Amino acid sequence: MNSQLAQETGIVIVFYQPNNEDIHHAELMASYYQVVIVDNSPHAVADMAALNNIVYIHRGENMGIATAQNIGISYIIEHLHQLNYLVFFDQDSRPAMDYPQGIVEEYMRISKHIPRLSALGPRIRNKQTQEEYTPGVHHEKREDFGFVEKQFIISSGCCIHKQTFVEVGMNDDTLFIDFVDFEWCLRAHSKGYTCGITDSMEMDHFVGRKYLALGPFRDIISAPQRYFYQYRNYIWLARRNYIPTKWKMLTGVKYMLRFAYLPFFFPQGFRCIAYSVKGICAAFSAKHSANRQQA
């Protein structure tokens, strides 16, 4: 392991009611890298703040992944000046200890070809199916140096240079959870940046609770409460001019079709629909209208 590069690499992890394995893996990461944990759980993890190479920030309430990541990013920019590369993980991500250095090395290599590289991620395998994960609405362009340009990538496992946040801005914390990484990547693209994945690295990741397959059509099934944020945030994002028109149209069609099949093919389908309706109402209410334009 390149010790100099490891000293420039910071890990950002968001906790929400982590289990013992989540905590232990974060502690192992801190043996090699500086780790910043932002904990949205009601109760703090005992003794974690005293561990070397871990900055533990307990918020005491669920502020959402966007705000929690922003807190971690801001702490690194303001206090940990030696860190230049930020690598993000969900609490249930289980990368090998050399993964952060590997994705940073790939970021540095690909940046020589693409100077305005915003975020670089690995190939994502759905941990449940072991199939490579690709969003339902996506566009990609393959380069001959092992890079696949994408419109957006998921945050878990990705590497971003800290200076990029200064130029692009932080996560949109009004979104709370769904479409946070999607929105940031597209906002970066509107400012002349490119994101994508490297062929040289891969990582397992939980993608929703399960798939619902209707012939060739597949939909990722989430917890019922997540449908509130999906529908609310979709309507908010559909109003923004840097969000692709194709995504707005195809996602809108898919979201309308859910009302026809979720109640009949998923045990909690009616709850999902109820939260979807709440999200639609919230998107148009004054109370939830914090829908700032960022480009």
Protein backbone atom coordinates (compact mmCIF):
# COMPACT_ATOMS: atom_id res chain seq x y z
CA MET A 1 0.00 0.00 0.00
CA ASN A 2 1.30 3.46 -0.94
CA SER A 3 1.52 5.21 2.43
CA GLN A 4 1.71 8.70 0.91
CA LEU A 5 -1.42 8.16 -1.16
CA ALA A 6 -3.22 6.63 1.85
CA GLN A 7 -2.44 9.80 3.81
CA GLU A 8 -4.19 11.86 1.13
CA THR A 9 -7.29 9.64 1.11
CA GLY A 10 -10.27 10.30 3.36
CA ILE A 11 -13.19 7.93 3.87
CA VAL A 12 -16.70 9.31 4.48
CA ILE A 13 -19.28 6.91 5.92
CA VAL A 14 -22.84 7.72 6.99
CA PHE A 15 -24.22 5.66 9.88
CA TYR A 16 -27.84 5.05 10.72
CA GLN A 17 -28.35 2.48 13.47
CA PRO A 18 -25.27 0.48 12.42
CA ASN A 19 -24.79 -3.13 13.50
CA ASN A 20 -21.60 -4.51 15.02
CA GLU A 21 -20.23 -5.61 11.64
CA ASP A 22 -20.74 -2.10 10.21
CA ILE A 23 -18.86 -0.60 13.15
CA HIS A 24 -16.05 -3.16 13.01
CA HIS A 25 -15.46 -2.64 9.29
CA ALA A 26 -15.22 1.13 9.77
CA GLU A 27 -12.67 0.57 12.53
CA LEU A 28 -10.62 -1.65 10.19
CA MET A 29 -10.67 1.07 7.52
CA ALA A 30 -9.27 3.48 10.09
CA SER A 31 -6.18 1.27 10.40
CA TYR A 32 -5.16 2.50 6.94
CA TYR A 33 -7.02 5.74 6.24
CA GLN A 34 -8.53 8.76 7.92
CA VAL A 35 -12.23 7.97 8.39
CA VAL A 36 -14.99 10.52 8.98
CA ILE A 37 -18.23 9.00 10.26
CA VAL A 38 -21.42 11.04 10.44
CA ASP A 39 -23.97 9.19 12.54
CA ASN A 40 -27.67 9.95 12.02
CA SER A 41 -28.69 7.46 14.73
CA PRO A 42 -30.57 8.54 17.88
CA HIS A 43 -27.88 7.01 20.12
CA ALA A 44 -24.13 7.36 19.71
CA VAL A 45 -21.77 4.40 19.31
CA ALA A 46 -19.86 4.04 22.58
CA ASP A 47 -16.13 4.88 22.53
CA MET A 48 -15.97 5.42 18.75
CA ALA A 49 -15.00 9.09 19.08
CA ALA A 50 -11.85 8.06 21.00
CA LEU A 51 -10.43 5.84 18.23
CA ASN A 52 -7.38 6.92 16.24
CA ASN A 53 -7.94 8.03 12.63
CA ILE A 54 -11.70 8.31 13.16
CA VAL A 55 -13.61 11.57 13.35
CA TYR A 56 -16.98 10.59 14.76
CA ILE A 57 -19.78 13.16 14.42
CA HIS A 58 -23.00 12.13 16.11
CA ARG A 59 -26.05 14.11 14.98
CA GLY A 60 -28.67 12.37 17.13
CA GLU A 61 -31.38 12.43 14.46
CA ASN A 62 -31.85 11.21 10.90
CA MET A 63 -30.89 14.20 8.79
CA GLY A 64 -30.68 12.18 5.57
CA ILE A 65 -27.67 11.02 3.60
CA ALA A 66 -27.25 14.31 1.69
CA THR A 67 -26.84 16.44 4.82
CA ALA A 68 -24.73 13.81 6.59
CA GLN A 69 -22.32 13.56 3.65
CA ASN A 70 -22.15 17.35 3.45
CA ILE A 71 -21.13 17.48 7.10
CA GLY A 72 -18.35 14.95 6.48
CA ILE A 73 -17.15 16.73 3.34
CA SER A 74 -17.14 20.13 5.06
CA TYR A 75 -15.19 18.76 8.03
CA ILE A 76 -12.49 17.39 5.73
CA ILE A 77 -12.23 20.62 3.70
CA GLU A 78 -12.07 22.80 6.82
CA HIS A 79 -9.98 20.68 9.19
CA LEU A 80 -8.18 17.81 7.42
CA HIS A 81 -6.17 19.75 4.88
CA GLN A 82 -3.86 16.84 4.07
CA LEU A 83 -6.73 14.91 2.51
CA ASN A 84 -7.29 15.51 -1.19
CA TYR A 85 -9.34 12.49 -2.30
CA LEU A 86 -12.67 11.56 -0.71
CA VAL A 87 -14.04 8.03 -1.01
CA PHE A 88 -17.65 7.41 0.03
CA PHE A 89 -19.20 4.25 1.44
CA ASP A 90 -22.57 3.21 2.75
CA GLN A 91 -22.39 1.65 6.20
CA ASP A 92 -23.06 -1.82 4.78
CA SER A 93 -20.38 -1.56 2.08
CA ARG A 94 -17.60 -4.11 2.58
CA PRO A 95 -14.69 -3.12 0.34
CA ALA A 96 -11.25 -4.67 0.73
CA MET A 97 -8.76 -2.55 2.64
CA ASP A 98 -6.84 -1.71 -0.54
CA TYR A 99 -10.00 -0.58 -2.37
CA PRO A 100 -9.83 3.14 -1.40
CA GLN A 101 -6.24 3.45 -2.61
CA GLY A 102 -7.13 1.54 -5.77
CA ILE A 103 -10.02 3.83 -6.71
CA VAL A 104 -7.86 6.89 -5.98
CA GLU A 105 -5.11 5.54 -8.24
CA GLU A 106 -7.69 5.00 -10.96
CA TYR A 107 -9.04 8.52 -10.43
CA MET A 108 -5.53 9.93 -10.87
CA ARG A 109 -4.90 7.82 -13.98
CA ILE A 110 -8.18 8.65 -15.70
CA SER A 111 -7.86 12.35 -14.80
CA LYS A 112 -4.88 12.48 -17.16
CA HIS A 113 -7.30 11.70 -20.00
CA ILE A 114 -10.30 13.58 -18.57
CA PRO A 115 -9.03 16.63 -16.64
CA ARG A 116 -12.51 17.64 -15.46
CA LEU A 117 -13.42 14.30 -13.90
CA SER A 118 -16.04 14.81 -11.21
CA ALA A 119 -16.70 11.36 -9.71
CA LEU A 120 -15.23 7.96 -10.47
CA GLY A 121 -16.86 4.75 -9.32
CA PRO A 122 -16.40 1.01 -9.77
CA ARG A 123 -18.53 -1.46 -11.61
CA ILE A 124 -21.40 -2.22 -9.23
CA ARG A 125 -22.69 -5.75 -8.74
CA ASN A 126 -26.08 -6.19 -7.16
CA LYS A 127 -25.22 -8.07 -3.97
CA GLN A 128 -28.48 -10.03 -4.17
CA THR A 129 -28.29 -11.16 -7.81
CA GLN A 130 -24.55 -10.73 -8.58
CA GLU A 131 -25.61 -9.03 -11.82
CA GLU A 132 -23.97 -5.78 -12.86
CA TYR A 133 -26.19 -2.91 -11.84
CA THR A 134 -27.23 -0.39 -14.48
CA PRO A 135 -30.01 2.16 -13.97
CA GLY A 136 -33.15 1.74 -16.01
CA VAL A 137 -32.59 5.10 -17.73
CA HIS A 138 -28.93 5.61 -18.53
CA HIS A 139 -26.48 6.67 -21.20
CA GLU A 140 -22.87 5.57 -21.39
CA LYS A 141 -19.85 6.06 -23.61
CA ARG A 142 -16.90 3.67 -23.48
CA GLU A 143 -13.34 4.93 -23.85
CA ASP A 144 -10.33 2.81 -24.84
CA PHE A 145 -8.46 3.57 -21.61
CA GLY A 146 -10.78 1.55 -19.39
CA PHE A 147 -13.27 4.31 -18.58
CA VAL A 148 -17.03 4.29 -19.13
CA GLU A 149 -18.60 7.75 -19.14
CA LYS A 150 -22.03 7.83 -17.52
CA GLN A 151 -24.61 10.48 -16.79
CA PHE A 152 -24.47 9.61 -13.11
CA ILE A 153 -23.08 7.01 -10.70
CA ILE A 154 -24.01 5.97 -7.17
CA SER A 155 -21.99 7.49 -4.35
CA SER A 156 -20.99 4.30 -2.53
CA GLY A 157 -17.49 3.36 -3.64
CA CYS A 158 -16.90 6.53 -5.64
CA CYS A 159 -13.92 8.89 -5.43
CA ILE A 160 -14.15 12.68 -5.74
CA HIS A 161 -11.38 15.26 -5.38
CA LYS A 162 -12.26 17.70 -2.61
CA GLN A 163 -11.72 20.72 -4.88
CA THR A 164 -14.60 19.53 -7.07
CA PHE A 165 -17.05 20.19 -4.22
CA VAL A 166 -15.76 23.76 -4.02
CA GLU A 167 -16.53 24.29 -7.70
CA VAL A 168 -19.72 22.21 -8.11
CA GLY A 169 -21.20 22.66 -4.64
CA MET A 170 -22.35 20.22 -2.00
CA ASN A 171 -25.17 17.69 -2.13
CA ASP A 172 -28.67 19.13 -2.36
CA ASP A 173 -29.76 18.39 1.21
CA THR A 174 -33.40 19.20 0.48
CA LEU A 175 -33.58 15.81 -1.30
CA PHE A 176 -32.77 13.95 1.94
CA ILE A 177 -32.02 10.55 0.36
CA ASP A 178 -33.27 9.53 -3.10
CA PHE A 179 -31.58 10.96 -6.23
CA VAL A 180 -28.89 12.74 -4.18
CA ASP A 181 -25.92 11.30 -6.10
CA PHE A 182 -27.90 11.47 -9.37
CA GLU A 183 -28.60 15.19 -8.96
CA TRP A 184 -25.01 16.03 -7.96
CA CYS A 185 -23.50 14.23 -10.97
CA LEU A 186 -25.86 15.97 -13.39
CA ARG A 187 -25.23 19.36 -11.78
CA ALA A 188 -21.49 18.73 -12.15
CA HIS A 189 -22.05 17.79 -15.79
CA SER A 190 -23.88 21.08 -16.36
CA LYS A 191 -20.69 22.81 -15.16
CA GLY A 192 -18.47 20.95 -17.62
CA TYR A 193 -17.51 17.89 -15.56
CA THR A 194 -17.62 14.22 -16.52
CA CYS A 195 -18.35 11.22 -14.29
CA GLY A 196 -18.17 7.50 -14.88
CA ILE A 197 -16.77 4.16 -13.82
CA THR A 198 -13.49 2.33 -14.25
CA ASP A 199 -13.32 -1.17 -15.69
CA SER A 200 -10.48 -1.98 -13.30
CA MET A 201 -12.54 -2.09 -10.10
CA GLU A 202 -15.83 -3.54 -8.92
CA MET A 203 -17.83 -3.61 -5.71
CA ASP A 204 -20.90 -5.39 -4.36
CA HIS A 205 -23.78 -3.17 -3.31
CA PHE A 206 -27.32 -3.71 -2.04
CA VAL A 207 -29.70 -2.20 -4.62
CA GLY A 208 -33.15 -1.92 -3.05
CA ARG A 209 -34.92 -4.71 -1.20
CA LYS A 210 -35.60 -6.87 -4.24
CA TYR A 211 -36.53 -6.80 -7.92
CA LEU A 212 -40.03 -7.05 -9.27
CA ALA A 213 -39.83 -8.69 -12.72
CA LEU A 214 -42.74 -8.43 -15.14
CA GLY A 215 -41.44 -10.02 -18.32
CA PRO A 216 -38.45 -7.97 -19.50
CA PHE A 217 -39.43 -5.08 -17.22
CA ARG A 218 -37.75 -4.81 -13.81
CA ASP A 219 -38.37 -2.43 -10.97
CA ILE A 220 -36.33 -2.15 -7.79
CA ILE A 221 -38.59 -2.51 -4.76
CA SER A 222 -37.75 -0.23 -1.84
CA ALA A 223 -39.11 0.16 1.68
CA PRO A 224 -42.55 1.83 1.51
CA GLN A 225 -41.32 5.06 3.15
CA ARG A 226 -38.76 5.57 0.37
CA TYR A 227 -41.54 6.11 -2.16
CA PHE A 228 -42.36 9.41 -0.48
CA TYR A 229 -38.88 10.74 -1.34
CA GLN A 230 -38.79 9.14 -4.78
CA TYR A 231 -42.01 10.78 -5.96
CA ARG A 232 -41.45 14.10 -4.20
CA ASN A 233 -37.88 14.40 -5.45
CA TYR A 234 -38.78 13.29 -8.97
CA ILE A 235 -41.25 16.17 -9.28
CA TRP A 236 -38.71 18.62 -7.87
CA LEU A 237 -35.99 17.44 -10.25
CA ALA A 238 -38.32 17.43 -13.26
CA ARG A 239 -38.47 21.23 -12.90
CA ARG A 240 -34.71 21.67 -13.29
CA ASN A 241 -33.25 22.45 -16.68
CA TYR A 242 -30.03 20.42 -16.23
CA ILE A 243 -31.95 17.16 -15.70
CA PRO A 244 -32.19 15.24 -19.03
CA THR A 245 -35.60 15.35 -20.71
CA LYS A 246 -35.40 11.65 -21.55
CA TRP A 247 -34.98 10.77 -17.87
CA LYS A 248 -37.91 13.00 -16.91
CA MET A 249 -40.19 11.34 -19.44
CA LEU A 250 -39.22 7.68 -18.93
CA THR A 251 -39.07 7.93 -15.15
CA GLY A 252 -42.43 9.70 -15.12
CA VAL A 253 -43.98 6.87 -17.16
CA LYS A 254 -42.47 4.23 -14.87
CA TYR A 255 -43.73 6.04 -11.77
CA MET A 256 -47.26 6.25 -13.19
CA LEU A 257 -47.23 2.55 -14.10
CA ARG A 258 -46.35 1.64 -10.51
CA PHE A 259 -49.86 2.59 -9.47
CA ALA A 260 -51.13 -0.22 -11.71
CA TYR A 261 -48.91 -3.07 -10.54
CA LEU A 262 -47.44 -2.41 -7.07
CA PRO A 263 -50.68 -3.12 -5.15
CA PHE A 264 -51.04 -6.49 -6.86
CA PHE A 265 -47.49 -7.83 -7.07
CA PHE A 266 -45.91 -6.65 -3.81
CA PRO A 267 -47.23 -7.47 -0.30
CA GLN A 268 -46.77 -3.87 0.88
CA GLY A 269 -47.82 -2.39 -2.44
CA PHE A 270 -50.70 -0.35 -1.05
CA ARG A 271 -48.39 1.22 1.54
CA CYS A 272 -45.96 2.10 -1.23
CA ILE A 273 -48.75 3.78 -3.16
CA ALA A 274 -49.88 5.69 -0.06
CA TYR A 275 -46.38 7.07 0.48
CA SER A 276 -46.12 7.87 -3.23
CA VAL A 277 -49.28 10.00 -3.02
CA LYS A 278 -47.92 11.76 0.08
CA GLY A 279 -44.72 12.52 -1.82
CA ILE A 280 -46.64 13.97 -4.76
CA CYS A 281 -48.66 16.19 -2.43
CA ALA A 282 -45.52 17.29 -0.59
CA ALA A 283 -43.83 18.25 -3.86
CA PHE A 284 -46.51 20.85 -4.50
CA SER A 285 -47.02 22.09 -0.93
CA ALA A 286 -45.51 25.30 0.39
CA LYS A 287 -44.14 23.43 3.42
CA HIS A 288 -41.98 21.18 1.25
CA SER A 289 -41.20 23.56 -1.59
CA ALA A 290 -37.47 23.92 -0.83
CA ASN A 291 -36.64 23.20 -4.45
CA ARG A 292 -33.68 25.40 -5.25
CA GLN A 293 -32.26 25.65 -8.74
CA GLN A 294 -28.54 24.90 -8.73
CA ALA A 295 -27.55 25.55 -12.32
